[in-house]
Amino acid sequence: MKVVSASRKYAVIFKVLMETGVMPYELSRVEAKDIDFDRCTASVRGFKGHASRTFKLPAETIGMLRLCFSKYSKFPEAIWIEKMWMKTRNKVSSKLQDPNIKTIRLYDLRHYYATMLYHKTRDILLVKQQMGHKKLETTMIYTQMLNLDGEDEYTCKVARDLKEAAALVEAGFEYITEMDGVKLFRKRK
């Protein structure tokens, strides 16, 4: 069965919203000059007191944005993004015969981004920065959507000297402690 999906233009928009957590209004103000296609980054001007920020995007998304901006000079206004979200969401709900899909709001993409970023990094200050929030209390609202209290699984490594420790840090491991003359590192699986 073929599932109805958004047009290519709106598929890019929904993907960028999910991968950055920006507000639809913030995205509607992004122009081609705000995207560095070579460095795979997009700069967003803050709205409603949010800080302006720059996001690193996957090469696939940048390719989609390049194609989008070759056809359109700018993103549509936030109200049209919202209307297209509801239209697409309702079509998918009908096609899959799942009324629960109709409860997913466009703004839930922002909550999803914050929750997944926190789950991945466990760094609430990074989430606050990426969301553009001024107050940590606001960020806390976004990261409480899912129960992520399950046991985390880690890969543990030992470094016996500076060279091994540097290699582990470069591979994304974090320093935990030193025991019996060796340094212990871990990284989430």
N, C-alpha and C. Protein backbone atom coordinates (compact mmCIF):
# COMPACT_ATOMS: atom_id res chain seq x y z
N MET A 1 0.85 -1.18 0.00
CA MET A 1 0.00 0.00 0.00
C MET A 1 0.89 1.24 0.00
N LYS A 2 0.60 2.17 -0.87
CA LYS A 2 1.35 3.42 -0.95
C LYS A 2 0.77 4.41 0.06
N VAL A 3 1.65 4.99 0.85
CA VAL A 3 1.22 5.99 1.84
C VAL A 3 1.38 7.37 1.22
N VAL A 4 0.36 8.21 1.39
CA VAL A 4 0.40 9.58 0.90
C VAL A 4 1.50 10.32 1.65
N SER A 5 2.24 11.14 0.94
CA SER A 5 3.27 11.92 1.62
C SER A 5 3.23 13.36 1.14
N ALA A 6 4.04 14.17 1.77
CA ALA A 6 4.09 15.59 1.44
C ALA A 6 4.80 15.77 0.10
N SER A 7 4.57 16.92 -0.52
CA SER A 7 5.31 17.27 -1.73
C SER A 7 6.79 17.36 -1.38
N ARG A 8 7.64 17.36 -2.38
CA ARG A 8 9.09 17.44 -2.11
C ARG A 8 9.43 18.70 -1.32
N LYS A 9 8.80 19.80 -1.68
CA LYS A 9 9.06 21.07 -1.00
C LYS A 9 8.74 20.95 0.49
N TYR A 10 7.58 20.42 0.80
CA TYR A 10 7.20 20.32 2.21
C TYR A 10 7.89 19.17 2.92
N ALA A 11 8.29 18.14 2.19
CA ALA A 11 9.07 17.06 2.80
C ALA A 11 10.39 17.62 3.32
N VAL A 12 11.01 18.53 2.55
CA VAL A 12 12.25 19.18 2.98
C VAL A 12 11.98 20.02 4.22
N ILE A 13 10.91 20.77 4.19
CA ILE A 13 10.57 21.65 5.32
C ILE A 13 10.37 20.82 6.59
N PHE A 14 9.58 19.75 6.50
CA PHE A 14 9.32 18.93 7.68
C PHE A 14 10.60 18.25 8.18
N LYS A 15 11.45 17.84 7.26
CA LYS A 15 12.72 17.20 7.63
C LYS A 15 13.62 18.19 8.37
N VAL A 16 13.72 19.41 7.86
CA VAL A 16 14.56 20.42 8.51
C VAL A 16 14.00 20.76 9.89
N LEU A 17 12.70 20.87 10.02
CA LEU A 17 12.10 21.15 11.33
C LEU A 17 12.43 20.03 12.32
N MET A 18 12.38 18.79 11.86
CA MET A 18 12.67 17.66 12.74
C MET A 18 14.15 17.58 13.10
N GLU A 19 15.03 17.94 12.16
CA GLU A 19 16.47 17.81 12.40
C GLU A 19 17.08 19.00 13.13
N THR A 20 16.35 20.09 13.25
CA THR A 20 16.90 21.28 13.91
C THR A 20 16.10 21.73 15.12
N GLY A 21 14.83 21.37 15.17
CA GLY A 21 13.99 21.83 16.27
C GLY A 21 13.62 23.29 16.18
N VAL A 22 13.86 23.94 15.05
CA VAL A 22 13.50 25.35 14.93
C VAL A 22 11.98 25.49 14.84
N MET A 23 11.51 26.66 15.18
CA MET A 23 10.08 26.95 15.08
C MET A 23 9.73 27.20 13.62
N PRO A 24 8.51 26.87 13.19
CA PRO A 24 8.12 27.12 11.80
C PRO A 24 8.32 28.58 11.38
N TYR A 25 8.05 29.51 12.28
CA TYR A 25 8.25 30.92 11.94
C TYR A 25 9.73 31.21 11.69
N GLU A 26 10.61 30.62 12.52
CA GLU A 26 12.05 30.81 12.32
C GLU A 26 12.47 30.27 10.95
N LEU A 27 11.96 29.09 10.60
CA LEU A 27 12.32 28.50 9.31
C LEU A 27 11.79 29.33 8.15
N SER A 28 10.61 29.90 8.31
CA SER A 28 10.03 30.69 7.22
C SER A 28 10.89 31.92 6.88
N ARG A 29 11.74 32.33 7.80
CA ARG A 29 12.61 33.49 7.56
C ARG A 29 13.98 33.11 7.01
N VAL A 30 14.25 31.81 6.89
CA VAL A 30 15.54 31.35 6.34
C VAL A 30 15.54 31.55 4.83
N GLU A 31 16.63 32.12 4.34
CA GLU A 31 16.80 32.34 2.90
C GLU A 31 18.03 31.55 2.43
N ALA A 32 18.20 31.48 1.13
CA ALA A 32 19.34 30.74 0.57
C ALA A 32 20.67 31.26 1.12
N LYS A 33 20.77 32.57 1.37
CA LYS A 33 22.02 33.14 1.89
C LYS A 33 22.33 32.65 3.31
N ASP A 34 21.33 32.11 4.01
CA ASP A 34 21.52 31.61 5.37
C ASP A 34 22.04 30.18 5.41
N ILE A 35 22.16 29.56 4.24
CA ILE A 35 22.59 28.17 4.17
C ILE A 35 23.96 28.12 3.52
N ASP A 36 24.90 27.48 4.20
CA ASP A 36 26.23 27.27 3.64
C ASP A 36 26.23 25.85 3.09
N PHE A 37 26.03 25.73 1.79
CA PHE A 37 25.91 24.42 1.16
C PHE A 37 27.23 23.65 1.20
N ASP A 38 28.35 24.33 1.26
CA ASP A 38 29.65 23.66 1.32
C ASP A 38 29.95 23.10 2.71
N ARG A 39 29.59 23.84 3.72
CA ARG A 39 29.84 23.41 5.11
C ARG A 39 28.67 22.64 5.71
N CYS A 40 27.59 22.53 4.97
CA CYS A 40 26.38 21.81 5.44
C CYS A 40 25.81 22.43 6.71
N THR A 41 25.69 23.76 6.72
CA THR A 41 25.12 24.44 7.88
C THR A 41 23.99 25.37 7.46
N ALA A 42 23.08 25.59 8.39
CA ALA A 42 22.00 26.55 8.18
C ALA A 42 21.94 27.46 9.40
N SER A 43 21.85 28.76 9.15
CA SER A 43 21.75 29.74 10.23
C SER A 43 20.30 30.20 10.33
N VAL A 44 19.84 30.31 11.57
CA VAL A 44 18.45 30.66 11.84
C VAL A 44 18.43 31.86 12.77
N ARG A 45 17.64 32.86 12.40
CA ARG A 45 17.46 34.03 13.27
C ARG A 45 16.39 33.69 14.30
N GLY A 46 16.70 33.95 15.56
CA GLY A 46 15.78 33.64 16.64
C GLY A 46 14.48 34.44 16.57
N PHE A 47 13.47 33.92 17.25
CA PHE A 47 12.14 34.53 17.28
C PHE A 47 11.59 34.37 18.69
N LYS A 48 10.76 35.32 19.12
CA LYS A 48 10.15 35.29 20.45
C LYS A 48 11.19 35.17 21.56
N GLY A 49 12.26 35.94 21.42
CA GLY A 49 13.29 35.94 22.46
C GLY A 49 14.29 34.81 22.33
N HIS A 50 14.14 33.93 21.36
CA HIS A 50 15.11 32.85 21.17
C HIS A 50 16.37 33.40 20.52
N ALA A 51 17.47 32.79 20.85
CA ALA A 51 18.75 33.20 20.28
C ALA A 51 18.87 32.70 18.83
N SER A 52 19.60 33.43 18.03
CA SER A 52 19.93 32.96 16.68
C SER A 52 20.94 31.85 16.84
N ARG A 53 20.94 30.90 15.91
CA ARG A 53 21.84 29.76 16.01
C ARG A 53 22.12 29.16 14.65
N THR A 54 23.16 28.33 14.60
CA THR A 54 23.56 27.66 13.37
C THR A 54 23.55 26.17 13.61
N PHE A 55 23.03 25.43 12.63
CA PHE A 55 22.90 23.98 12.73
C PHE A 55 23.71 23.28 11.66
N LYS A 56 24.33 22.19 12.03
CA LYS A 56 24.99 21.30 11.08
C LYS A 56 23.91 20.32 10.61
N LEU A 57 23.77 20.18 9.28
CA LEU A 57 22.76 19.31 8.72
C LEU A 57 23.41 18.18 7.93
N PRO A 58 22.73 17.03 7.86
CA PRO A 58 23.26 15.92 7.05
C PRO A 58 23.37 16.33 5.58
N ALA A 59 24.33 15.75 4.88
CA ALA A 59 24.54 16.07 3.46
C ALA A 59 23.27 15.81 2.65
N GLU A 60 22.52 14.78 2.99
CA GLU A 60 21.27 14.48 2.28
C GLU A 60 20.29 15.65 2.40
N THR A 61 20.16 16.20 3.59
CA THR A 61 19.25 17.32 3.81
C THR A 61 19.74 18.56 3.06
N ILE A 62 21.03 18.80 3.07
CA ILE A 62 21.59 19.94 2.35
C ILE A 62 21.30 19.80 0.86
N GLY A 63 21.43 18.58 0.33
CA GLY A 63 21.11 18.34 -1.08
C GLY A 63 19.65 18.65 -1.37
N MET A 64 18.77 18.26 -0.46
CA MET A 64 17.34 18.55 -0.63
C MET A 64 17.10 20.06 -0.58
N LEU A 65 17.80 20.75 0.32
CA LEU A 65 17.66 22.21 0.42
C LEU A 65 18.17 22.90 -0.84
N ARG A 66 19.28 22.40 -1.38
CA ARG A 66 19.84 22.98 -2.61
C ARG A 66 18.81 22.88 -3.74
N LEU A 67 18.18 21.72 -3.87
CA LEU A 67 17.16 21.52 -4.89
C LEU A 67 15.95 22.43 -4.64
N CYS A 68 15.55 22.52 -3.39
CA CYS A 68 14.40 23.37 -3.01
C CYS A 68 14.67 24.83 -3.38
N PHE A 69 15.86 25.33 -3.03
CA PHE A 69 16.17 26.74 -3.29
C PHE A 69 16.47 27.01 -4.77
N SER A 70 16.70 25.95 -5.55
CA SER A 70 16.86 26.16 -6.99
C SER A 70 15.50 26.42 -7.64
N LYS A 71 14.42 25.99 -6.96
CA LYS A 71 13.06 26.19 -7.48
C LYS A 71 12.32 27.34 -6.79
N TYR A 72 12.60 27.54 -5.51
CA TYR A 72 11.88 28.54 -4.72
C TYR A 72 12.88 29.51 -4.11
N SER A 73 12.51 30.77 -4.02
CA SER A 73 13.44 31.77 -3.48
C SER A 73 13.47 31.79 -1.96
N LYS A 74 12.41 31.28 -1.34
CA LYS A 74 12.37 31.27 0.13
C LYS A 74 11.36 30.22 0.60
N PHE A 75 11.36 29.98 1.90
CA PHE A 75 10.39 29.06 2.48
C PHE A 75 9.03 29.76 2.58
N PRO A 76 7.95 29.01 2.59
CA PRO A 76 6.63 29.63 2.76
C PRO A 76 6.46 30.17 4.18
N GLU A 77 5.46 31.00 4.36
CA GLU A 77 5.15 31.54 5.68
C GLU A 77 4.75 30.41 6.62
N ALA A 78 4.93 30.64 7.91
CA ALA A 78 4.67 29.61 8.92
C ALA A 78 3.23 29.09 8.87
N ILE A 79 2.27 29.96 8.58
CA ILE A 79 0.87 29.53 8.54
C ILE A 79 0.65 28.50 7.44
N TRP A 80 1.37 28.64 6.29
CA TRP A 80 1.23 27.67 5.21
C TRP A 80 1.94 26.37 5.53
N ILE A 81 3.04 26.46 6.26
CA ILE A 81 3.73 25.25 6.70
C ILE A 81 2.79 24.45 7.62
N GLU A 82 2.14 25.15 8.55
CA GLU A 82 1.20 24.51 9.47
C GLU A 82 0.03 23.88 8.72
N LYS A 83 -0.55 24.61 7.78
CA LYS A 83 -1.69 24.08 7.01
C LYS A 83 -1.30 22.85 6.21
N MET A 84 -0.12 22.87 5.60
CA MET A 84 0.33 21.71 4.82
C MET A 84 0.63 20.53 5.73
N TRP A 85 1.14 20.79 6.93
CA TRP A 85 1.38 19.72 7.90
C TRP A 85 0.05 19.03 8.23
N MET A 86 -0.96 19.82 8.54
CA MET A 86 -2.26 19.24 8.91
C MET A 86 -2.85 18.46 7.74
N LYS A 87 -2.76 19.00 6.55
CA LYS A 87 -3.30 18.34 5.37
C LYS A 87 -2.59 17.00 5.13
N THR A 88 -1.27 17.01 5.16
CA THR A 88 -0.49 15.79 4.94
C THR A 88 -0.74 14.78 6.05
N ARG A 89 -0.71 15.25 7.28
CA ARG A 89 -0.92 14.38 8.43
C ARG A 89 -2.29 13.72 8.37
N ASN A 90 -3.31 14.48 8.01
CA ASN A 90 -4.66 13.93 7.94
C ASN A 90 -4.81 12.91 6.81
N LYS A 91 -4.13 13.15 5.69
CA LYS A 91 -4.16 12.18 4.58
C LYS A 91 -3.50 10.88 5.00
N VAL A 92 -2.36 10.98 5.66
CA VAL A 92 -1.66 9.78 6.13
C VAL A 92 -2.51 9.03 7.15
N SER A 93 -3.14 9.77 8.05
CA SER A 93 -4.02 9.17 9.05
C SER A 93 -5.15 8.39 8.40
N SER A 94 -5.75 9.01 7.40
CA SER A 94 -6.86 8.36 6.69
C SER A 94 -6.38 7.13 5.92
N LYS A 95 -5.27 7.27 5.23
CA LYS A 95 -4.74 6.17 4.42
C LYS A 95 -4.36 4.97 5.29
N LEU A 96 -3.76 5.23 6.43
CA LEU A 96 -3.35 4.16 7.34
C LEU A 96 -4.46 3.76 8.31
N GLN A 97 -5.56 4.47 8.25
CA GLN A 97 -6.70 4.23 9.14
C GLN A 97 -6.26 4.24 10.61
N ASP A 98 -5.48 5.27 10.95
CA ASP A 98 -4.99 5.43 12.31
C ASP A 98 -5.29 6.86 12.76
N PRO A 99 -6.38 7.04 13.51
CA PRO A 99 -6.75 8.40 13.95
C PRO A 99 -5.74 9.03 14.91
N ASN A 100 -4.89 8.24 15.54
CA ASN A 100 -3.89 8.80 16.46
C ASN A 100 -2.89 9.70 15.73
N ILE A 101 -2.68 9.47 14.45
CA ILE A 101 -1.74 10.30 13.69
C ILE A 101 -2.24 11.74 13.65
N LYS A 102 -3.54 11.94 13.70
CA LYS A 102 -4.10 13.31 13.66
C LYS A 102 -3.77 14.12 14.91
N THR A 103 -3.27 13.47 15.94
CA THR A 103 -2.93 14.19 17.17
C THR A 103 -1.52 14.76 17.13
N ILE A 104 -0.74 14.40 16.12
CA ILE A 104 0.65 14.88 16.04
C ILE A 104 0.67 16.30 15.49
N ARG A 105 1.13 17.22 16.33
CA ARG A 105 1.19 18.62 15.93
C ARG A 105 2.52 18.92 15.25
N LEU A 106 2.54 19.93 14.41
CA LEU A 106 3.79 20.35 13.77
C LEU A 106 4.82 20.70 14.84
N TYR A 107 4.37 21.35 15.91
CA TYR A 107 5.26 21.76 16.98
C TYR A 107 5.88 20.57 17.70
N ASP A 108 5.26 19.38 17.56
CA ASP A 108 5.82 18.18 18.18
C ASP A 108 7.16 17.80 17.58
N LEU A 109 7.45 18.26 16.36
CA LEU A 109 8.77 18.02 15.77
C LEU A 109 9.84 18.72 16.59
N ARG A 110 9.51 19.89 17.12
CA ARG A 110 10.44 20.64 17.98
C ARG A 110 10.67 19.88 19.29
N HIS A 111 9.60 19.38 19.87
CA HIS A 111 9.72 18.58 21.10
C HIS A 111 10.54 17.31 20.83
N TYR A 112 10.28 16.68 19.70
CA TYR A 112 11.00 15.46 19.33
C TYR A 112 12.51 15.74 19.25
N TYR A 113 12.87 16.82 18.56
CA TYR A 113 14.28 17.17 18.42
C TYR A 113 14.94 17.35 19.79
N ALA A 114 14.32 18.13 20.65
CA ALA A 114 14.89 18.41 21.98
C ALA A 114 15.02 17.14 22.79
N THR A 115 14.00 16.32 22.77
CA THR A 115 14.01 15.08 23.55
C THR A 115 15.10 14.13 23.05
N MET A 116 15.20 13.97 21.74
CA MET A 116 16.21 13.06 21.19
C MET A 116 17.63 13.59 21.40
N LEU A 117 17.82 14.91 21.28
CA LEU A 117 19.14 15.48 21.52
C LEU A 117 19.55 15.27 22.97
N TYR A 118 18.63 15.47 23.90
CA TYR A 118 18.95 15.26 25.31
C TYR A 118 19.24 13.78 25.58
N HIS A 119 18.43 12.90 25.01
CA HIS A 119 18.63 11.47 25.21
C HIS A 119 20.00 11.04 24.67
N LYS A 120 20.39 11.61 23.55
CA LYS A 120 21.66 11.25 22.92
C LYS A 120 22.86 11.80 23.68
N THR A 121 22.77 13.04 24.17
CA THR A 121 23.92 13.71 24.77
C THR A 121 23.87 13.80 26.29
N ARG A 122 22.69 13.78 26.86
CA ARG A 122 22.48 14.02 28.30
C ARG A 122 23.08 15.36 28.71
N ASP A 123 23.09 16.32 27.77
CA ASP A 123 23.66 17.64 28.02
C ASP A 123 22.54 18.67 27.88
N ILE A 124 21.91 19.01 28.99
CA ILE A 124 20.76 19.91 28.96
C ILE A 124 21.16 21.31 28.50
N LEU A 125 22.40 21.72 28.76
CA LEU A 125 22.85 23.04 28.32
C LEU A 125 23.01 23.09 26.80
N LEU A 126 23.44 22.00 26.20
CA LEU A 126 23.52 21.93 24.74
C LEU A 126 22.11 22.02 24.14
N VAL A 127 21.17 21.31 24.74
CA VAL A 127 19.78 21.35 24.25
C VAL A 127 19.25 22.77 24.36
N LYS A 128 19.51 23.42 25.50
CA LYS A 128 19.07 24.81 25.70
C LYS A 128 19.63 25.71 24.60
N GLN A 129 20.91 25.55 24.30
CA GLN A 129 21.56 26.36 23.26
C GLN A 129 20.93 26.08 21.90
N GLN A 130 20.77 24.82 21.54
CA GLN A 130 20.24 24.45 20.23
C GLN A 130 18.78 24.88 20.05
N MET A 131 18.04 24.92 21.14
CA MET A 131 16.64 25.35 21.07
C MET A 131 16.53 26.88 21.05
N GLY A 132 17.61 27.56 21.45
CA GLY A 132 17.60 29.02 21.48
C GLY A 132 16.94 29.59 22.71
N HIS A 133 16.76 28.76 23.73
CA HIS A 133 16.10 29.21 24.95
C HIS A 133 17.00 30.09 25.80
N LYS A 134 16.38 31.02 26.51
CA LYS A 134 17.11 31.85 27.45
C LYS A 134 17.11 31.23 28.85
N LYS A 135 16.02 30.52 29.18
CA LYS A 135 15.89 29.95 30.52
C LYS A 135 15.92 28.42 30.45
N LEU A 136 16.65 27.83 31.36
CA LEU A 136 16.76 26.37 31.43
C LEU A 136 15.41 25.73 31.72
N GLU A 137 14.57 26.42 32.48
CA GLU A 137 13.24 25.87 32.80
C GLU A 137 12.43 25.60 31.54
N THR A 138 12.56 26.45 30.54
CA THR A 138 11.85 26.24 29.29
C THR A 138 12.35 24.98 28.60
N THR A 139 13.64 24.78 28.60
CA THR A 139 14.22 23.59 27.97
C THR A 139 13.76 22.33 28.67
N MET A 140 13.63 22.39 29.97
CA MET A 140 13.20 21.21 30.74
C MET A 140 11.81 20.73 30.30
N ILE A 141 10.95 21.64 29.89
CA ILE A 141 9.61 21.26 29.42
C ILE A 141 9.73 20.37 28.19
N TYR A 142 10.65 20.71 27.30
CA TYR A 142 10.80 19.96 26.05
C TYR A 142 11.40 18.58 26.24
N THR A 143 12.21 18.40 27.26
CA THR A 143 12.91 17.12 27.42
C THR A 143 12.17 16.15 28.33
N GLN A 144 10.96 16.46 28.74
CA GLN A 144 10.22 15.57 29.63
C GLN A 144 9.12 14.80 28.92
N MET A 145 9.16 14.73 27.60
CA MET A 145 8.10 14.05 26.86
C MET A 145 8.16 12.53 26.98
N LEU A 146 9.35 11.97 26.98
CA LEU A 146 9.51 10.52 27.00
C LEU A 146 10.12 10.08 28.31
N ASN A 147 9.78 8.88 28.72
CA ASN A 147 10.41 8.30 29.88
C ASN A 147 11.68 7.62 29.41
N LEU A 148 12.80 8.26 29.64
CA LEU A 148 14.08 7.75 29.19
C LEU A 148 14.91 7.23 30.36
N ASP A 149 14.23 6.75 31.41
CA ASP A 149 14.93 6.33 32.62
C ASP A 149 15.52 4.93 32.52
N GLY A 150 15.37 4.28 31.39
CA GLY A 150 15.90 2.93 31.23
C GLY A 150 17.41 2.91 31.38
N GLU A 151 17.94 1.74 31.59
CA GLU A 151 19.38 1.59 31.75
C GLU A 151 20.09 1.96 30.45
N ASP A 152 21.08 2.81 30.54
CA ASP A 152 21.91 3.13 29.39
C ASP A 152 22.97 2.06 29.23
N GLU A 153 23.31 1.76 27.99
CA GLU A 153 24.36 0.79 27.73
C GLU A 153 25.57 1.54 27.20
N TYR A 154 26.74 1.17 27.71
CA TYR A 154 27.99 1.83 27.34
C TYR A 154 29.01 0.83 26.85
N THR A 155 29.91 1.32 26.03
CA THR A 155 31.12 0.60 25.68
C THR A 155 32.20 1.23 26.53
N CYS A 156 32.95 0.41 27.25
CA CYS A 156 34.00 0.92 28.13
C CYS A 156 35.36 0.57 27.55
N LYS A 157 36.32 1.50 27.71
CA LYS A 157 37.69 1.31 27.23
C LYS A 157 38.66 1.80 28.28
N VAL A 158 39.88 1.27 28.22
CA VAL A 158 40.93 1.63 29.16
C VAL A 158 42.08 2.27 28.37
N ALA A 159 42.64 3.35 28.92
CA ALA A 159 43.82 3.99 28.32
C ALA A 159 44.97 3.90 29.31
N ARG A 160 46.09 3.38 28.81
CA ARG A 160 47.25 3.22 29.68
C ARG A 160 48.24 4.38 29.55
N ASP A 161 48.07 5.17 28.45
CA ASP A 161 48.98 6.31 28.27
C ASP A 161 48.23 7.45 27.56
N LEU A 162 48.94 8.55 27.37
CA LEU A 162 48.34 9.74 26.78
C LEU A 162 47.87 9.50 25.35
N LYS A 163 48.63 8.76 24.58
CA LYS A 163 48.28 8.47 23.19
C LYS A 163 46.96 7.69 23.10
N GLU A 164 46.82 6.67 23.94
CA GLU A 164 45.58 5.89 23.96
C GLU A 164 44.40 6.74 24.42
N ALA A 165 44.62 7.59 25.42
CA ALA A 165 43.56 8.46 25.92
C ALA A 165 43.10 9.43 24.84
N ALA A 166 44.06 10.02 24.10
CA ALA A 166 43.71 10.95 23.03
C ALA A 166 42.91 10.25 21.94
N ALA A 167 43.29 9.04 21.60
CA ALA A 167 42.57 8.28 20.57
C ALA A 167 41.13 8.00 21.01
N LEU A 168 40.94 7.68 22.28
CA LEU A 168 39.59 7.42 22.78
C LEU A 168 38.72 8.68 22.76
N VAL A 169 39.30 9.80 23.16
CA VAL A 169 38.56 11.07 23.14
C VAL A 169 38.17 11.41 21.71
N GLU A 170 39.10 11.23 20.77
CA GLU A 170 38.80 11.50 19.35
C GLU A 170 37.71 10.58 18.82
N ALA A 171 37.59 9.39 19.40
CA ALA A 171 36.57 8.43 18.97
C ALA A 171 35.23 8.66 19.68
N GLY A 172 35.15 9.72 20.50
CA GLY A 172 33.88 10.06 21.14
C GLY A 172 33.69 9.51 22.55
N PHE A 173 34.74 8.92 23.11
CA PHE A 173 34.62 8.41 24.48
C PHE A 173 34.80 9.56 25.47
N GLU A 174 34.16 9.43 26.63
CA GLU A 174 34.31 10.43 27.68
C GLU A 174 35.09 9.84 28.85
N TYR A 175 35.94 10.66 29.44
CA TYR A 175 36.75 10.24 30.59
C TYR A 175 35.85 10.08 31.81
N ILE A 176 36.05 8.98 32.54
CA ILE A 176 35.24 8.72 33.74
C ILE A 176 36.08 8.86 35.01
N THR A 177 37.15 8.07 35.11
CA THR A 177 37.98 8.10 36.32
C THR A 177 39.30 7.39 36.06
N GLU A 178 40.16 7.41 37.07
CA GLU A 178 41.43 6.69 36.99
C GLU A 178 41.47 5.68 38.13
N MET A 179 41.88 4.45 37.78
CA MET A 179 42.00 3.38 38.78
C MET A 179 43.23 2.55 38.47
N ASP A 180 43.96 2.21 39.47
CA ASP A 180 45.12 1.33 39.31
C ASP A 180 46.04 1.78 38.18
N GLY A 181 46.22 3.07 38.03
CA GLY A 181 47.14 3.61 37.05
C GLY A 181 46.64 3.65 35.61
N VAL A 182 45.37 3.33 35.38
CA VAL A 182 44.80 3.42 34.03
C VAL A 182 43.58 4.35 34.07
N LYS A 183 43.31 4.94 32.93
CA LYS A 183 42.15 5.85 32.82
C LYS A 183 41.00 5.08 32.18
N LEU A 184 39.80 5.26 32.74
CA LEU A 184 38.61 4.59 32.23
C LEU A 184 37.77 5.58 31.41
N PHE A 185 37.30 5.14 30.25
CA PHE A 185 36.47 5.93 29.36
C PHE A 185 35.22 5.15 29.02
N ARG A 186 34.16 5.89 28.61
CA ARG A 186 32.95 5.21 28.17
C ARG A 186 32.30 6.02 27.05
N LYS A 187 31.47 5.30 26.28
CA LYS A 187 30.70 5.92 25.20
C LYS A 187 29.39 5.14 25.09
N ARG A 188 28.29 5.87 24.90
CA ARG A 188 26.99 5.21 24.74
C ARG A 188 27.00 4.33 23.51
N LYS A 189 26.36 3.18 23.62
CA LYS A 189 26.24 2.29 22.46
C LYS A 189 25.26 2.84 21.48
